[in-house]
Amino acid sequence: MRALIFPGQGSQAVGMAKDLAEAFPQARAVLDEVDDALGQHLSRLMFEGPAEELTLTTNAQPALMAASLAVVRVLEAERGLDLPRDVACVAGHSLGEYAALAAAGSLTIADAARLLRIRGEAMQAAVPPGAGAMAALIGTDVAAAHAIADEAAEGTVCGVANDNGGGQVVLSGDRAAVERAVALAPARGIKRAVMLNVSAPFHCRLMAPAARTMAEALAKVDLRAPRVSLYANVTAAPATGPDAIRTALVEQVTATVRWRESVAAMAAAGIDRFHELGAGKVLTGLVKRIAPGAQAAAIGTPADVAAFAL
């Protein structure tokens, strides 16, 4: 059985989706739809940069969704992909959950783009610049990461933002607390701990204002039942009803991205092929470490499309 998975922030790169848009009118149409929805030439920024502007949260989030949906539409047109027939489930890492829902017909591409623009702006505004931070712990598990975060918090915010799998866990919270966690890590047996170059402390309690903003925005959007089930970040389990999905999207802003558990749950349910659609290959690498018995491949270029087989 097959799952489609969609990357999150950090996978963006100048030139993303350019070859696809030049080769396939279906890809160009997706990018035009996103440009129109945002009133911005986002596709030009995706193709030409500058990288600093593309990396801004407010641009990176809808851009990554656009690149992913461009691949979906090309696979449908060129390779005969039919989601209800050929795909068992979808999942996305953080913002990738919106791309997954758009692919599954739960959100329109335009609504997904507008929601991600609101999400990016709200997450950026939730914490004053420099007040928060994130750090990656390499060579550990989530239990050890929780223990370090609890020890480092000292009454402030420090928690697990992403349980990515493959020995990689990301912490998020108040800057001083996250820095304490990094300092503690070597003595706690962590192979490597590095501060991340991010603009805000995502997926922690400091994002509560952004969660409230997303609750208001999502309440105004027509969200339909997806054509295939979504494995939600916050539960690592299928969510199929619009109300459950809306709740999961709001909770996701402050909650841990349970990617390791999501992939493991999909594999346990019989998923043996994972296709990462859009920019980069980050999730493909994680899947290979979490579910080594499964096949995983990234699809983001015309050559990748040509190699795709149902």
Protein backbone atom coordinates (compact mmCIF):
# COMPACT_ATOMS: atom_id res chain seq x y z
CA MET A 1 0.00 0.00 0.00
CA ARG A 2 1.10 3.53 -0.79
CA ALA A 3 1.27 6.75 1.28
CA LEU A 4 1.94 10.26 0.04
CA ILE A 5 3.97 12.41 2.42
CA PHE A 6 4.63 16.14 2.29
CA PRO A 7 7.69 18.03 3.58
CA GLY A 8 7.83 20.85 6.10
CA GLN A 9 9.85 24.00 6.59
CA GLY A 10 13.55 23.68 5.86
CA SER A 11 13.07 21.83 2.56
CA GLN A 12 12.66 25.03 0.54
CA ALA A 13 15.35 26.01 -1.96
CA VAL A 14 15.66 28.57 -4.72
CA GLY A 15 14.65 26.93 -8.00
CA MET A 16 12.01 24.70 -6.36
CA ALA A 17 9.32 23.50 -8.82
CA LYS A 18 10.86 25.53 -11.69
CA ASP A 19 11.70 22.55 -13.91
CA LEU A 20 8.32 21.02 -13.19
CA ALA A 21 6.46 24.22 -14.10
CA GLU A 22 8.42 24.56 -17.34
CA ALA A 23 7.70 20.95 -18.31
CA PHE A 24 4.06 20.57 -17.28
CA PRO A 25 1.15 23.03 -17.58
CA GLN A 26 -0.55 21.36 -14.59
CA ALA A 27 2.33 22.43 -12.33
CA ARG A 28 2.30 25.96 -13.71
CA ALA A 29 -1.46 26.14 -13.06
CA VAL A 30 -0.98 25.27 -9.38
CA LEU A 31 1.65 27.96 -8.95
CA ASP A 32 -0.55 30.50 -10.71
CA GLU A 33 -3.44 29.60 -8.42
CA VAL A 34 -1.26 30.16 -5.35
CA ASP A 35 0.05 33.45 -6.75
CA ASP A 36 -3.52 34.64 -7.34
CA ALA A 37 -4.68 33.52 -3.88
CA LEU A 38 -1.89 35.44 -2.16
CA GLY A 39 -1.78 38.42 -4.50
CA GLN A 40 1.98 37.86 -4.80
CA HIS A 41 4.38 36.47 -7.40
CA LEU A 42 5.43 33.72 -5.00
CA SER A 43 6.39 31.47 -7.90
CA ARG A 44 8.95 34.03 -9.06
CA LEU A 45 10.45 34.03 -5.57
CA MET A 46 10.51 30.22 -5.63
CA PHE A 47 12.31 30.19 -8.99
CA GLU A 48 14.71 33.11 -8.56
CA GLY A 49 15.02 33.90 -4.85
CA PRO A 50 16.63 35.60 -3.03
CA ALA A 51 17.02 32.71 -0.62
CA GLU A 52 16.69 34.97 2.43
CA GLU A 53 13.24 36.09 1.32
CA LEU A 54 12.09 32.59 0.34
CA THR A 55 13.20 31.27 3.74
CA LEU A 56 10.96 33.72 5.61
CA THR A 57 8.26 31.68 7.35
CA THR A 58 5.45 33.60 5.65
CA ASN A 59 6.84 32.69 2.21
CA ALA A 60 8.36 29.27 2.82
CA GLN A 61 5.13 27.73 4.12
CA PRO A 62 2.86 28.43 1.11
CA ALA A 63 5.78 27.90 -1.28
CA LEU A 64 6.42 24.38 -0.03
CA MET A 65 2.72 23.55 -0.26
CA ALA A 66 2.62 24.89 -3.83
CA ALA A 67 5.60 22.77 -4.88
CA SER A 68 4.01 19.66 -3.38
CA LEU A 69 0.63 20.19 -5.02
CA ALA A 70 2.30 20.87 -8.36
CA VAL A 71 3.74 17.34 -8.17
CA VAL A 72 0.35 15.87 -7.22
CA ARG A 73 -1.39 17.45 -10.21
CA VAL A 74 1.36 16.35 -12.60
CA LEU A 75 1.23 12.76 -11.34
CA GLU A 76 -2.54 12.76 -11.79
CA ALA A 77 -2.31 14.08 -15.35
CA GLU A 78 0.83 12.33 -16.58
CA ARG A 79 0.96 9.07 -14.64
CA GLY A 80 -2.72 8.38 -13.98
CA LEU A 81 -2.52 8.73 -10.21
CA ASP A 82 -5.95 8.46 -8.57
CA LEU A 83 -5.82 9.09 -4.82
CA PRO A 84 -8.80 7.04 -3.64
CA ARG A 85 -7.74 4.12 -5.86
CA ASP A 86 -3.95 4.25 -5.55
CA VAL A 87 -3.21 5.83 -2.16
CA ALA A 88 -4.08 4.49 1.29
CA CYS A 89 -3.28 7.62 3.31
CA VAL A 90 -1.48 10.96 3.38
CA ALA A 91 0.61 12.75 5.98
CA GLY A 92 2.65 15.93 6.16
CA HIS A 93 5.36 17.25 8.45
CA SER A 94 4.08 20.38 10.22
CA LEU A 95 2.98 22.75 7.41
CA GLY A 96 3.08 19.69 5.13
CA GLU A 97 -0.18 18.64 6.75
CA TYR A 98 -1.91 21.42 4.81
CA ALA A 99 -0.40 20.13 1.56
CA ALA A 100 -1.58 16.62 2.46
CA LEU A 101 -5.11 17.90 3.04
CA ALA A 102 -5.13 19.84 -0.23
CA ALA A 103 -3.92 16.75 -2.08
CA ALA A 104 -6.70 14.73 -0.48
CA GLY A 105 -9.37 17.28 -1.42
CA SER A 106 -10.08 18.46 2.11
CA LEU A 107 -8.83 21.99 1.36
CA THR A 108 -8.65 23.88 -1.91
CA ILE A 109 -5.17 24.90 -2.99
CA ALA A 110 -6.14 28.57 -2.64
CA ASP A 111 -7.47 28.07 0.89
CA ALA A 112 -4.36 26.10 1.86
CA ALA A 113 -2.14 28.91 0.56
CA ARG A 114 -4.08 31.61 2.43
CA LEU A 115 -4.15 29.57 5.65
CA LEU A 116 -0.40 28.97 5.47
CA ARG A 117 0.24 32.67 4.93
CA ILE A 118 -1.85 33.42 8.05
CA ARG A 119 -0.11 30.61 9.93
CA GLY A 120 3.35 31.84 9.00
CA GLU A 121 2.58 35.43 9.98
CA ALA A 122 0.95 34.37 13.26
CA MET A 123 3.80 32.05 14.24
CA GLN A 124 6.35 34.76 13.48
CA ALA A 125 4.43 37.34 15.54
CA ALA A 126 3.76 35.09 18.55
CA VAL A 127 7.19 35.57 20.16
CA PRO A 128 9.45 38.65 20.06
CA PRO A 129 12.51 38.18 17.82
CA GLY A 130 15.32 36.49 19.71
CA ALA A 131 13.19 35.50 22.69
CA GLY A 132 12.73 31.90 21.57
CA ALA A 133 14.93 29.25 20.03
CA MET A 134 15.05 25.69 18.73
CA ALA A 135 17.76 23.04 18.88
CA ALA A 136 18.28 19.63 17.32
CA LEU A 137 19.42 16.70 19.44
CA ILE A 138 21.10 14.03 17.33
CA GLY A 139 21.60 10.47 18.49
CA THR A 140 18.87 10.27 21.10
CA ASP A 141 15.28 9.20 21.61
CA VAL A 142 12.22 11.18 22.59
CA ALA A 143 12.22 10.03 26.22
CA ALA A 144 15.76 11.29 26.78
CA ALA A 145 14.92 14.53 24.98
CA HIS A 146 11.90 15.09 27.23
CA ALA A 147 14.09 14.54 30.28
CA ILE A 148 16.66 17.09 29.13
CA ALA A 149 13.94 19.61 28.24
CA ASP A 150 12.30 19.24 31.65
CA GLU A 151 15.65 19.71 33.40
CA ALA A 152 16.55 22.75 31.31
CA ALA A 153 13.17 24.51 31.59
CA GLU A 154 13.61 25.83 35.16
CA GLY A 155 10.10 27.23 35.18
CA THR A 156 10.19 28.50 31.60
CA VAL A 157 9.19 26.81 28.33
CA CYS A 158 11.30 24.02 26.85
CA GLY A 159 9.78 20.98 25.19
CA VAL A 160 9.94 18.52 22.32
CA ALA A 161 8.83 20.21 19.09
CA ASN A 162 9.57 17.42 16.61
CA ASP A 163 10.07 13.72 17.19
CA ASN A 164 11.49 13.17 13.73
CA GLY A 165 12.83 9.64 14.14
CA GLY A 166 16.19 8.27 13.18
CA GLY A 167 17.62 9.51 16.48
CA GLN A 168 16.68 13.14 15.75
CA VAL A 169 14.55 15.16 18.19
CA VAL A 170 14.04 18.94 18.08
CA LEU A 171 13.49 21.09 21.18
CA SER A 172 11.72 24.44 21.26
CA GLY A 173 11.04 27.15 23.84
CA ASP A 174 12.52 30.16 25.60
CA ARG A 175 16.02 30.83 24.30
CA ALA A 176 17.79 30.55 27.66
CA ALA A 177 16.10 27.22 28.37
CA VAL A 178 16.94 25.76 24.97
CA GLU A 179 20.56 26.91 25.36
CA ARG A 180 20.68 25.18 28.76
CA ALA A 181 19.38 21.99 27.13
CA VAL A 182 22.15 22.12 24.52
CA ALA A 183 24.74 22.60 27.26
CA LEU A 184 23.33 19.66 29.24
CA ALA A 185 23.19 17.30 26.26
CA PRO A 186 26.79 15.97 26.16
CA ALA A 187 26.69 14.88 29.79
CA ARG A 188 23.36 13.13 29.15
CA GLY A 189 24.78 10.95 26.41
CA ILE A 190 23.50 12.95 23.44
CA LYS A 191 25.76 12.49 20.41
CA ARG A 192 25.29 16.06 19.12
CA ALA A 193 23.23 19.11 20.04
CA VAL A 194 23.01 22.19 17.82
CA MET A 195 21.05 25.41 17.92
CA LEU A 196 18.93 25.87 14.79
CA ASN A 197 18.81 28.99 12.65
CA VAL A 198 15.05 29.56 12.86
CA SER A 199 12.99 32.70 13.21
CA ALA A 200 10.71 31.53 16.03
CA PRO A 201 10.25 28.66 18.54
CA PHE A 202 7.72 26.55 16.67
CA HIS A 203 5.59 23.76 18.15
CA CYS A 204 5.71 24.78 21.80
CA ARG A 205 3.45 26.60 24.27
CA LEU A 206 4.89 29.96 23.24
CA MET A 207 2.93 29.57 20.00
CA ALA A 208 -0.44 29.78 21.81
CA PRO A 209 -1.32 33.17 20.24
CA ALA A 210 -0.77 31.67 16.79
CA ALA A 211 -2.99 28.70 17.67
CA ARG A 212 -5.81 31.11 18.55
CA THR A 213 -5.34 32.90 15.24
CA MET A 214 -5.49 29.60 13.34
CA ALA A 215 -8.64 28.54 15.19
CA GLU A 216 -10.34 31.70 13.98
CA ALA A 217 -9.04 31.31 10.42
CA LEU A 218 -9.93 27.63 10.14
CA ALA A 219 -13.46 28.27 11.43
CA LYS A 220 -14.10 30.38 8.32
CA VAL A 221 -12.83 27.81 5.80
CA ASP A 222 -14.81 25.04 4.12
CA LEU A 223 -12.95 21.92 5.24
CA ARG A 224 -14.26 18.69 3.72
CA ALA A 225 -13.64 15.05 4.58
CA PRO A 226 -10.47 13.95 2.75
CA ARG A 227 -10.68 11.37 -0.01
CA VAL A 228 -8.11 9.26 1.87
CA SER A 229 -7.28 9.28 5.57
CA LEU A 230 -4.81 11.75 7.03
CA TYR A 231 -2.32 10.68 9.71
CA ALA A 232 -2.33 13.79 11.91
CA ASN A 233 0.87 15.15 13.48
CA VAL A 234 -0.68 15.56 16.92
CA THR A 235 -2.14 12.06 17.21
CA ALA A 236 0.01 9.94 14.87
CA ALA A 237 -3.29 8.30 13.92
CA PRO A 238 -5.88 8.66 11.14
CA ALA A 239 -8.22 11.65 11.19
CA THR A 240 -11.02 11.65 8.62
CA GLY A 241 -13.75 13.98 9.88
CA PRO A 242 -13.58 17.75 9.22
CA ASP A 243 -14.05 18.63 12.89
CA ALA A 244 -11.26 16.30 14.00
CA ILE A 245 -8.95 17.65 11.30
CA ARG A 246 -9.71 21.26 12.18
CA THR A 247 -8.93 20.53 15.84
CA ALA A 248 -5.71 18.76 14.91
CA LEU A 249 -4.55 21.71 12.78
CA VAL A 250 -5.09 24.12 15.67
CA GLU A 251 -3.40 21.86 18.24
CA GLN A 252 -0.51 21.24 15.85
CA VAL A 253 0.73 24.84 16.26
CA THR A 254 1.75 24.26 19.90
CA ALA A 255 2.06 20.46 20.00
CA THR A 256 4.84 18.02 19.14
CA VAL A 257 5.09 16.86 15.53
CA ARG A 258 4.95 13.10 16.10
CA TRP A 259 6.55 12.13 12.80
CA ARG A 260 8.37 9.01 14.02
CA GLU A 261 5.16 7.59 15.47
CA SER A 262 3.16 8.57 12.38
CA VAL A 263 5.47 6.72 10.00
CA ALA A 264 5.65 3.71 12.33
CA ALA A 265 1.85 3.62 12.56
CA MET A 266 1.47 3.79 8.78
CA ALA A 267 4.01 0.99 8.34
CA ALA A 268 2.21 -1.12 10.97
CA ALA A 269 -1.03 -0.56 9.03
CA GLY A 270 0.55 -2.07 5.92
CA ILE A 271 2.03 0.94 4.12
CA ASP A 272 5.13 -0.30 2.31
CA ARG A 273 5.68 2.55 -0.19
CA PHE A 274 6.17 6.19 0.82
CA HIS A 275 6.36 8.93 -1.81
CA GLU A 276 7.60 12.35 -0.66
CA LEU A 277 6.12 14.95 -3.01
CA GLY A 278 7.63 18.40 -3.48
CA ALA A 279 10.91 19.98 -2.43
CA GLY A 280 13.81 18.04 -0.95
CA LYS A 281 14.28 14.53 0.40
CA VAL A 282 14.27 15.06 4.17
CA LEU A 283 11.24 12.87 4.89
CA THR A 284 12.48 10.13 2.56
CA GLY A 285 15.62 9.79 4.67
CA LEU A 286 13.63 9.72 7.90
CA VAL A 287 11.24 7.06 6.58
CA LYS A 288 14.16 4.81 5.62
CA ARG A 289 15.40 4.95 9.21
CA ILE A 290 12.00 4.61 10.89
CA ALA A 291 10.58 1.88 8.62
CA PRO A 292 13.57 0.21 6.95
CA GLY A 293 11.36 -2.49 5.44
CA ALA A 294 9.43 0.06 3.38
CA GLN A 295 10.35 1.71 0.09
CA ALA A 296 10.71 5.49 0.14
CA ALA A 297 11.35 7.90 -2.73
CA ALA A 298 11.15 11.63 -3.33
CA ILE A 299 9.32 13.04 -6.37
CA GLY A 300 10.04 16.64 -7.27
CA THR A 301 11.48 16.82 -10.78
CA PRO A 302 10.34 15.81 -14.29
CA ALA A 303 12.75 12.85 -14.13
CA ASP A 304 11.18 11.73 -10.85
CA VAL A 305 7.74 11.94 -12.45
CA ALA A 306 8.89 9.83 -15.40
CA ALA A 307 10.24 7.18 -13.01
CA PHE A 308 7.04 6.99 -10.95
CA ALA A 309 5.09 3.77 -11.43
CA LEU A 310 1.74 2.80 -9.99
